[in-house]
Protein backbone atom coordinates (compact mmCIF):
# COMPACT_ATOMS: atom_id res chain seq x y z
CA UNK A 1 0.00 0.00 0.00
CA UNK A 2 1.36 3.37 -0.96
CA UNK A 3 1.07 6.30 1.38
CA UNK A 4 -1.30 9.11 0.37
CA UNK A 5 0.26 11.16 -2.41
CA UNK A 6 0.40 14.94 -2.78
CA UNK A 7 -0.32 14.83 -6.51
CA UNK A 8 -3.87 15.57 -7.61
CA UNK A 9 -3.62 13.22 -10.57
CA UNK A 10 -6.07 10.30 -10.21
CA UNK A 11 -3.27 7.91 -11.20
CA UNK A 12 0.34 8.77 -10.37
CA UNK A 13 2.56 7.48 -13.17
CA UNK A 14 6.27 7.37 -12.41
CA UNK A 15 9.40 5.35 -13.06
CA UNK A 16 11.36 4.34 -9.96
CA UNK A 17 14.61 2.66 -11.00
CA UNK A 18 13.65 -0.47 -12.91
CA UNK A 19 9.98 -0.28 -11.84
CA UNK A 20 7.14 1.55 -13.53
CA UNK A 21 4.78 2.63 -10.77
CA UNK A 22 1.02 3.11 -11.18
CA UNK A 23 -0.51 4.48 -7.99
CA UNK A 24 -4.29 4.84 -7.94
CA UNK A 25 -4.72 8.18 -6.22
CA UNK A 26 -8.29 8.72 -5.07
CA UNK A 27 -7.89 7.60 -1.44
CA UNK A 28 -11.09 9.27 -0.21
CA UNK A 29 -13.11 6.94 -2.45
CA UNK A 30 -10.77 3.99 -1.80
CA UNK A 31 -9.32 4.62 -5.26
CA UNK A 32 -12.56 3.83 -7.09
CA UNK A 33 -11.93 3.67 -10.82
CA UNK A 34 -13.29 6.19 -13.27
CA UNK A 35 -12.79 6.44 -17.02
CA UNK A 36 -9.84 8.81 -16.84
CA UNK A 37 -7.96 6.44 -14.52
CA UNK A 38 -8.41 3.55 -16.92
CA UNK A 39 -7.13 5.68 -19.78
CA UNK A 40 -4.10 6.87 -17.81
CA UNK A 41 -3.15 3.31 -16.90
CA UNK A 42 -3.54 2.09 -20.47
CA UNK A 43 -1.40 4.95 -21.79
CA UNK A 44 1.38 4.18 -19.30
CA UNK A 45 1.38 0.51 -20.26
CA UNK A 46 1.74 1.47 -23.91
CA UNK A 47 4.66 3.76 -23.13
CA UNK A 48 6.48 1.29 -20.88
CA UNK A 49 6.17 -1.80 -23.03
CA UNK A 50 9.08 -0.71 -25.23
CA UNK A 51 11.00 1.17 -22.53
CA UNK A 52 14.07 -0.91 -21.60
CA UNK A 53 14.37 0.84 -18.23
CA UNK A 54 11.01 -0.47 -17.05
CA UNK A 55 11.42 -4.15 -16.15
CA UNK A 56 8.42 -4.52 -13.83
CA UNK A 57 5.12 -2.65 -13.57
CA UNK A 58 3.83 -2.15 -10.01
CA UNK A 59 0.19 -1.28 -9.20
CA UNK A 60 -0.67 0.12 -5.76
CA UNK A 61 -3.35 2.26 -4.15
CA UNK A 62 -2.86 5.51 -2.28
CA UNK A 63 -4.02 5.76 1.32
CA UNK A 64 -4.45 3.06 3.93
CA UNK A 65 -7.88 1.69 3.06
CA UNK A 66 -7.35 -0.36 -0.05
CA UNK A 67 -6.09 -0.85 -3.58
CA UNK A 68 -9.45 -0.13 -5.21
CA UNK A 69 -13.08 -0.35 -4.09
CA UNK A 70 -14.40 -0.86 -7.64
CA UNK A 71 -15.87 1.38 -10.30
CA UNK A 72 -17.74 4.65 -9.99
CA UNK A 73 -21.18 3.17 -9.41
CA UNK A 74 -22.83 6.54 -8.81
CA UNK A 75 -22.15 7.38 -12.46
CA UNK A 76 -23.50 3.96 -13.45
CA UNK A 77 -26.65 4.71 -11.43
CA UNK A 78 -27.21 7.92 -13.39
CA UNK A 79 -27.09 6.04 -16.67
CA UNK A 80 -29.28 3.18 -15.45
CA UNK A 81 -31.81 5.63 -14.03
CA UNK A 82 -31.85 7.68 -17.23
CA UNK A 83 -32.49 4.58 -19.35
CA UNK A 84 -35.54 3.93 -17.23
CA UNK A 85 -35.40 0.16 -17.68
CA UNK A 86 -35.89 0.47 -21.44
CA UNK A 87 -34.89 -2.71 -23.30
CA UNK A 88 -32.72 -0.87 -25.82
CA UNK A 89 -29.20 -2.20 -26.42
CA UNK A 90 -28.22 0.74 -28.64
CA UNK A 91 -29.25 3.29 -26.01
CA UNK A 92 -27.34 1.40 -23.32
CA UNK A 93 -24.24 1.13 -25.53
CA UNK A 94 -24.27 4.90 -26.05
CA UNK A 95 -23.98 5.70 -22.34
CA UNK A 96 -20.88 6.83 -20.52
CA UNK A 97 -21.00 3.62 -18.49
CA UNK A 98 -20.71 1.53 -21.64
CA UNK A 99 -17.76 3.61 -22.84
CA UNK A 100 -16.10 3.14 -19.45
CA UNK A 101 -16.67 -0.61 -19.53
CA UNK A 102 -15.26 -0.91 -23.04
CA UNK A 103 -11.99 0.74 -22.04
CA UNK A 104 -11.91 -0.97 -18.64
CA UNK A 105 -12.28 -4.43 -20.18
CA UNK A 106 -9.61 -3.62 -22.77
CA UNK A 107 -7.34 -2.68 -19.88
CA UNK A 108 -8.16 -5.96 -18.10
CA UNK A 109 -7.17 -7.92 -21.21
CA UNK A 110 -4.05 -5.79 -21.66
CA UNK A 111 -2.90 -6.43 -18.09
CA UNK A 112 -3.38 -10.19 -18.52
CA UNK A 113 -1.39 -10.29 -21.76
CA UNK A 114 1.34 -7.75 -20.99
CA UNK A 115 4.84 -8.69 -22.10
CA UNK A 116 6.51 -7.62 -18.84
CA UNK A 117 5.87 -8.76 -15.27
CA UNK A 118 3.18 -6.82 -13.43
CA UNK A 119 2.92 -6.90 -9.64
CA UNK A 120 -0.35 -5.77 -8.04
CA UNK A 121 -0.43 -5.08 -4.31
CA UNK A 122 -3.85 -6.36 -3.22
CA UNK A 123 -3.71 -4.68 0.18
CA UNK A 124 -6.86 -3.56 1.99
CA UNK A 125 -10.11 -3.42 0.04
CA UNK A 126 -9.99 -4.96 -3.44
CA UNK A 127 -13.45 -5.15 -4.93
CA UNK A 128 -15.07 -5.27 -8.37
CA UNK A 129 -12.94 -3.17 -10.70
CA UNK A 130 -10.08 -3.50 -8.23
CA UNK A 131 -10.06 -7.24 -8.93
CA UNK A 132 -9.99 -6.44 -12.65
CA UNK A 133 -6.75 -4.48 -12.41
CA UNK A 134 -5.05 -6.97 -10.08
CA UNK A 135 -6.52 -10.42 -10.55
CA UNK A 136 -5.20 -11.05 -14.06
CA UNK A 137 -1.59 -9.86 -13.69
CA UNK A 138 1.44 -12.12 -13.33
CA UNK A 139 2.27 -11.37 -9.67
CA UNK A 140 -0.54 -10.78 -7.17
CA UNK A 141 0.40 -9.95 -3.58
CA UNK A 142 -2.13 -10.37 -0.78
CA UNK A 143 -1.58 -9.17 2.78
CA UNK A 144 -3.03 -9.61 6.24
CA UNK A 145 -5.28 -6.61 5.47
CA UNK A 146 -6.68 -7.89 2.17
CA UNK A 147 -10.46 -7.87 1.80
CA UNK A 148 -11.25 -9.10 -1.69
CA UNK A 149 -14.76 -9.44 -3.08
CA UNK A 150 -16.91 -9.40 -6.18
CA UNK A 151 -20.06 -7.85 -4.64
CA UNK A 152 -21.97 -7.10 -7.84
CA UNK A 153 -25.08 -9.22 -7.22
CA UNK A 154 -25.87 -7.03 -4.21
CA UNK A 155 -26.49 -4.03 -6.48
CA UNK A 156 -28.17 -5.84 -9.37
CA UNK A 157 -25.04 -6.33 -11.49
CA UNK A 158 -23.18 -9.45 -12.66
CA UNK A 159 -19.45 -9.92 -11.91
CA UNK A 160 -17.43 -8.36 -14.70
CA UNK A 161 -13.82 -7.18 -15.33
CA UNK A 162 -12.99 -10.83 -15.98
CA UNK A 163 -14.54 -11.89 -12.69
CA UNK A 164 -16.51 -14.74 -14.24
CA UNK A 165 -13.28 -16.03 -15.84
CA UNK A 166 -11.46 -16.01 -12.49
CA UNK A 167 -14.29 -17.31 -10.32
CA UNK A 168 -15.39 -20.06 -12.70
CA UNK A 169 -11.91 -21.59 -12.46
CA UNK A 170 -11.73 -21.87 -8.67
CA UNK A 171 -11.92 -25.38 -7.29
CA UNK A 172 -14.71 -26.78 -5.15
CA UNK A 173 -17.30 -24.20 -6.30
CA UNK A 174 -15.58 -21.56 -4.18
CA UNK A 175 -15.94 -19.05 -7.01
CA UNK A 176 -19.68 -19.69 -7.21
CA UNK A 177 -19.89 -19.27 -3.46
CA UNK A 178 -17.94 -16.00 -3.53
CA UNK A 179 -19.97 -14.59 -6.42
CA UNK A 180 -23.43 -15.44 -5.10
CA UNK A 181 -22.78 -14.38 -1.49
CA UNK A 182 -20.43 -11.40 -2.15
CA UNK A 183 -18.16 -13.00 0.44
CA UNK A 184 -15.19 -10.92 1.63
CA UNK A 185 -12.06 -13.01 1.17
CA UNK A 186 -9.01 -12.53 3.37
CA UNK A 187 -5.44 -12.54 2.14
CA UNK A 188 -5.15 -16.14 3.33
CA UNK A 189 -8.29 -17.02 1.37
CA UNK A 190 -6.96 -15.30 -1.75
CA UNK A 191 -3.73 -17.30 -1.65
CA UNK A 192 -5.52 -20.58 -0.90
CA UNK A 193 -7.90 -20.05 -3.82
CA UNK A 194 -5.14 -18.98 -6.20
CA UNK A 195 -6.43 -15.44 -6.62
CA UNK A 196 -3.14 -14.21 -5.13
CA UNK A 197 0.27 -15.64 -5.96
CA UNK A 198 2.15 -14.42 -2.86
CA UNK A 199 1.52 -13.30 0.71
CA UNK A 200 3.47 -10.38 2.17
CA UNK A 201 2.61 -8.97 5.63
CA UNK A 202 1.44 -5.37 5.27
CA UNK A 203 4.30 -4.08 7.40
CA UNK A 204 6.73 -5.48 4.82
CA UNK A 205 5.27 -3.67 1.82
CA UNK A 206 7.45 -0.52 1.97
CA UNK A 207 10.66 -2.56 1.89
CA UNK A 208 9.30 -4.77 -0.90
CA UNK A 209 8.35 -1.74 -3.01
CA UNK A 210 11.73 -0.16 -2.44
CA UNK A 211 13.54 -3.30 -3.57
CA UNK A 212 11.49 -3.50 -6.77
CA UNK A 213 13.28 -0.38 -7.96
CA UNK A 214 16.59 -2.27 -7.90
CA UNK A 215 15.92 -6.00 -8.29
CA UNK A 216 13.90 -8.41 -10.48
CA UNK A 217 10.41 -9.07 -9.22
CA UNK A 218 10.91 -12.78 -8.53
CA UNK A 219 13.99 -12.09 -6.41
CA UNK A 220 12.12 -9.44 -4.45
CA UNK A 221 9.16 -11.70 -3.76
CA UNK A 222 11.42 -14.57 -2.74
CA UNK A 223 12.94 -12.27 -0.13
CA UNK A 224 9.77 -10.65 1.17
CA UNK A 225 6.93 -13.16 0.83
CA UNK A 226 5.88 -15.40 3.69
CA UNK A 227 3.64 -18.44 4.10
CA UNK A 228 0.02 -17.35 4.18
CA UNK A 229 -2.06 -18.14 7.28
CA UNK A 230 -4.51 -21.01 7.04
CA UNK A 231 -7.65 -20.01 5.14
CA UNK A 232 -10.92 -20.30 6.99
CA UNK A 233 -12.45 -21.65 3.80
CA UNK A 234 -10.22 -24.73 3.62
CA UNK A 235 -12.31 -26.83 5.99
CA UNK A 236 -15.51 -25.73 4.24
CA UNK A 237 -14.38 -26.78 0.77
CA UNK A 238 -16.22 -30.14 0.62
CA UNK A 239 -19.44 -28.61 1.95
CA UNK A 240 -19.31 -25.68 -0.47
CA UNK A 241 -18.47 -28.00 -3.36
CA UNK A 242 -21.67 -29.94 -2.72
CA UNK A 243 -23.98 -27.04 -1.85
CA UNK A 244 -23.02 -24.80 -4.78
CA UNK A 245 -22.89 -27.42 -7.54
CA UNK A 246 -25.32 -27.37 -10.44
CA UNK A 247 -26.71 -24.88 -12.90
CA UNK A 248 -29.94 -23.86 -11.16
CA UNK A 249 -30.13 -21.27 -8.40
CA UNK A 250 -33.10 -23.06 -6.83
CA UNK A 251 -30.99 -26.20 -6.33
CA UNK A 252 -28.35 -24.25 -4.46
CA UNK A 253 -30.77 -22.35 -2.24
CA UNK A 254 -32.61 -25.59 -1.40
CA UNK A 255 -29.38 -27.28 -0.29
CA UNK A 256 -28.43 -24.28 1.82
CA UNK A 257 -31.88 -24.19 3.41
CA UNK A 258 -31.49 -27.84 4.45
CA UNK A 259 -28.02 -27.33 5.93
CA UNK A 260 -27.31 -27.08 9.64
CA UNK A 261 -23.77 -25.81 9.05
CA UNK A 262 -23.54 -22.20 10.35
CA UNK A 263 -21.36 -20.99 7.46
CA UNK A 264 -23.85 -22.31 4.92
CA UNK A 265 -26.76 -20.79 6.85
CA UNK A 266 -24.91 -17.46 6.67
CA UNK A 267 -24.48 -17.97 2.94
CA UNK A 268 -28.23 -18.53 2.55
CA UNK A 269 -28.97 -15.34 4.48
CA UNK A 270 -26.53 -13.37 2.35
CA UNK A 271 -27.98 -14.70 -0.90
CA UNK A 272 -31.51 -13.84 0.19
CA UNK A 273 -30.60 -10.14 0.13
CA UNK A 274 -29.14 -10.15 -3.38
CA UNK A 275 -30.89 -9.31 -6.63
CA UNK A 276 -32.66 -12.53 -7.71
CA UNK A 277 -32.19 -11.75 -11.40
CA UNK A 278 -28.53 -10.78 -11.03
CA UNK A 279 -27.92 -13.94 -9.00
CA UNK A 280 -29.52 -16.17 -11.63
CA UNK A 281 -27.64 -14.48 -14.48
CA UNK A 282 -24.39 -14.69 -12.50
CA UNK A 283 -24.75 -18.45 -12.06
CA UNK A 284 -25.54 -18.83 -15.76
CA UNK A 285 -22.52 -16.71 -16.73
CA UNK A 286 -20.19 -18.61 -14.39
CA UNK A 287 -21.20 -21.93 -15.88
CA UNK A 288 -20.75 -20.58 -19.41
CA UNK A 289 -17.33 -19.15 -18.53
CA UNK A 290 -16.03 -22.60 -17.64
CA UNK A 291 -15.91 -23.40 -21.35
CA UNK A 292 -14.26 -20.12 -22.38
CA UNK A 293 -10.88 -20.50 -24.04
CA UNK A 294 -9.54 -17.17 -22.79
CA UNK A 295 -10.20 -14.17 -20.60
CA UNK A 296 -11.28 -12.32 -23.72
CA UNK A 297 -14.19 -14.73 -24.25
CA UNK A 298 -15.44 -14.01 -20.73
CA UNK A 299 -15.02 -10.25 -21.17
CA UNK A 300 -17.19 -10.34 -24.29
CA UNK A 301 -19.97 -12.08 -22.34
CA UNK A 302 -19.55 -9.75 -19.37
CA UNK A 303 -19.97 -6.71 -21.58
CA UNK A 304 -23.30 -8.12 -22.72
CA UNK A 305 -24.47 -8.79 -19.17
CA UNK A 306 -23.36 -5.33 -18.04
CA UNK A 307 -25.33 -3.60 -20.80
CA UNK A 308 -28.40 -5.74 -20.09
CA UNK A 309 -28.12 -5.02 -16.35
CA UNK A 310 -28.00 -1.31 -17.19
CA UNK A 311 -31.41 -1.74 -18.84
CA UNK A 312 -32.90 -3.86 -16.04
CA UNK A 313 -34.44 -2.01 -13.05
CA UNK A 314 -32.49 -3.86 -10.36
CA UNK A 315 -29.21 -2.04 -11.06
CA UNK A 316 -30.56 1.47 -10.45
CA UNK A 317 -32.54 0.21 -7.48
CA UNK A 318 -29.65 -1.71 -5.96
CA UNK A 319 -27.26 1.25 -6.14
CA UNK A 320 -29.97 3.52 -4.73
CA UNK A 321 -30.55 1.26 -1.75
CA UNK A 322 -26.93 0.41 -1.01
CA UNK A 323 -25.04 3.59 -1.95
CA UNK A 324 -27.25 6.62 -2.50
CA UNK A 325 -30.13 6.44 0.00
CA UNK A 326 -28.36 3.72 2.01
CA UNK A 327 -31.64 2.37 3.36
CA UNK A 328 -30.55 -1.21 2.65
CA UNK A 329 -34.03 -2.11 1.39
CA UNK A 330 -33.91 -2.65 -2.38
CA UNK A 331 -37.19 -3.42 -4.08
CA UNK A 332 -36.07 -6.05 -6.58
CA UNK A 333 -38.05 -6.36 -9.81
CA UNK A 334 -38.51 -10.13 -9.64
CA UNK A 335 -38.63 -12.95 -7.13
CA UNK A 336 -36.72 -16.20 -7.64
CA UNK A 337 -39.87 -18.13 -8.53
CA UNK A 338 -40.84 -15.71 -11.31
CA UNK A 339 -37.52 -15.89 -13.22
CA UNK A 340 -37.38 -18.30 -16.15
CA UNK A 341 -34.43 -19.55 -18.17
CA UNK A 342 -35.33 -17.45 -21.22
CA UNK A 343 -35.12 -14.24 -19.19
CA UNK A 344 -31.76 -15.30 -17.73
CA UNK A 345 -30.30 -16.25 -21.10
CA UNK A 346 -31.43 -12.96 -22.65
CA UNK A 347 -28.72 -11.18 -20.64
CA UNK A 348 -25.97 -13.00 -22.55
CA UNK A 349 -27.37 -13.06 -26.07
CA UNK A 350 -25.06 -11.52 -28.73
CA UNK A 351 -25.12 -7.77 -29.33
CA UNK A 352 -24.48 -7.84 -33.07
CA UNK A 353 -22.73 -4.67 -34.21
CA UNK A 354 -22.59 -3.47 -30.60
CA UNK A 355 -20.29 -6.26 -29.40
CA UNK A 356 -17.21 -5.36 -27.38
CA UNK A 357 -14.15 -4.64 -29.50
CA UNK A 358 -10.96 -5.82 -27.79
CA UNK A 359 -8.69 -5.27 -30.77
CA UNK A 360 -7.54 -1.87 -29.47
CA UNK A 361 -6.26 -0.77 -26.10
């Protein structure tokens, strides 16, 4: 975690010895991503790819609260509210939110495919878009302060930024569990699940970052990383694998309802507060992502689900209830028993000429 910076730039771009440093610099909002930040990061990656001085790219967040709390969902709420739940793909694709997603997903793909090592410091809060800029890079450092989550279903959205690609590949249905419950994962959890590659105690981050200016990334991590603590999810793996298997949300909720295991009862309670439609579409997208050949395939599907969520009333309502009015009482548009497979599948149908273009970055 980087200390709070004096610069007013939303992303501080600097070269420190052999390291190119990208510091997300909106600490008051836990470095929530906006469009300009995505563009600044993409531009720096372009510049550094052919710069022989830059051997490693390092991504950190300013302040002490986290790497990144996600995207600017207040702006997304404005677009969703303005659309007024109109089923109009073209209108949704013309919004500022769609433009942001297009460039954000291009950045996610760029980070995953970059020709040089990238180290992301997943310290503190790492949610939504924060997972997108850290979860696909070559070196992912969790700490004892890490709180990682994909909480989209709680606001009527489906995990994006490559989240379905990452979560669909976790063993024992732990990705399904994390997506449908919005579970906060610790640094130990992140390492156990493979979402992080290394564990470094938070107090050791300054020394690690300093060494990256002088030494290769693998040497630095060998010197500074430590064994992660035992994950609290390890003993729950068999139970989660059974409870969260299958392609129907009703099957999962029924198994949880029959369970006497406290952790599974907590999962059932958490799921009951999520958008029923977003939850059903999330499960559908996770199962589809298992067959994807690359992150890019998942990003294409996620762009479709994001645009369709923008047109569905739950997104505006979820953000209103959780972020704007903060009453915690969203009035979801559907109940689980009124959602059919055709409605769920409509969120992932092709967009034709409006499909996401990942050929540029």
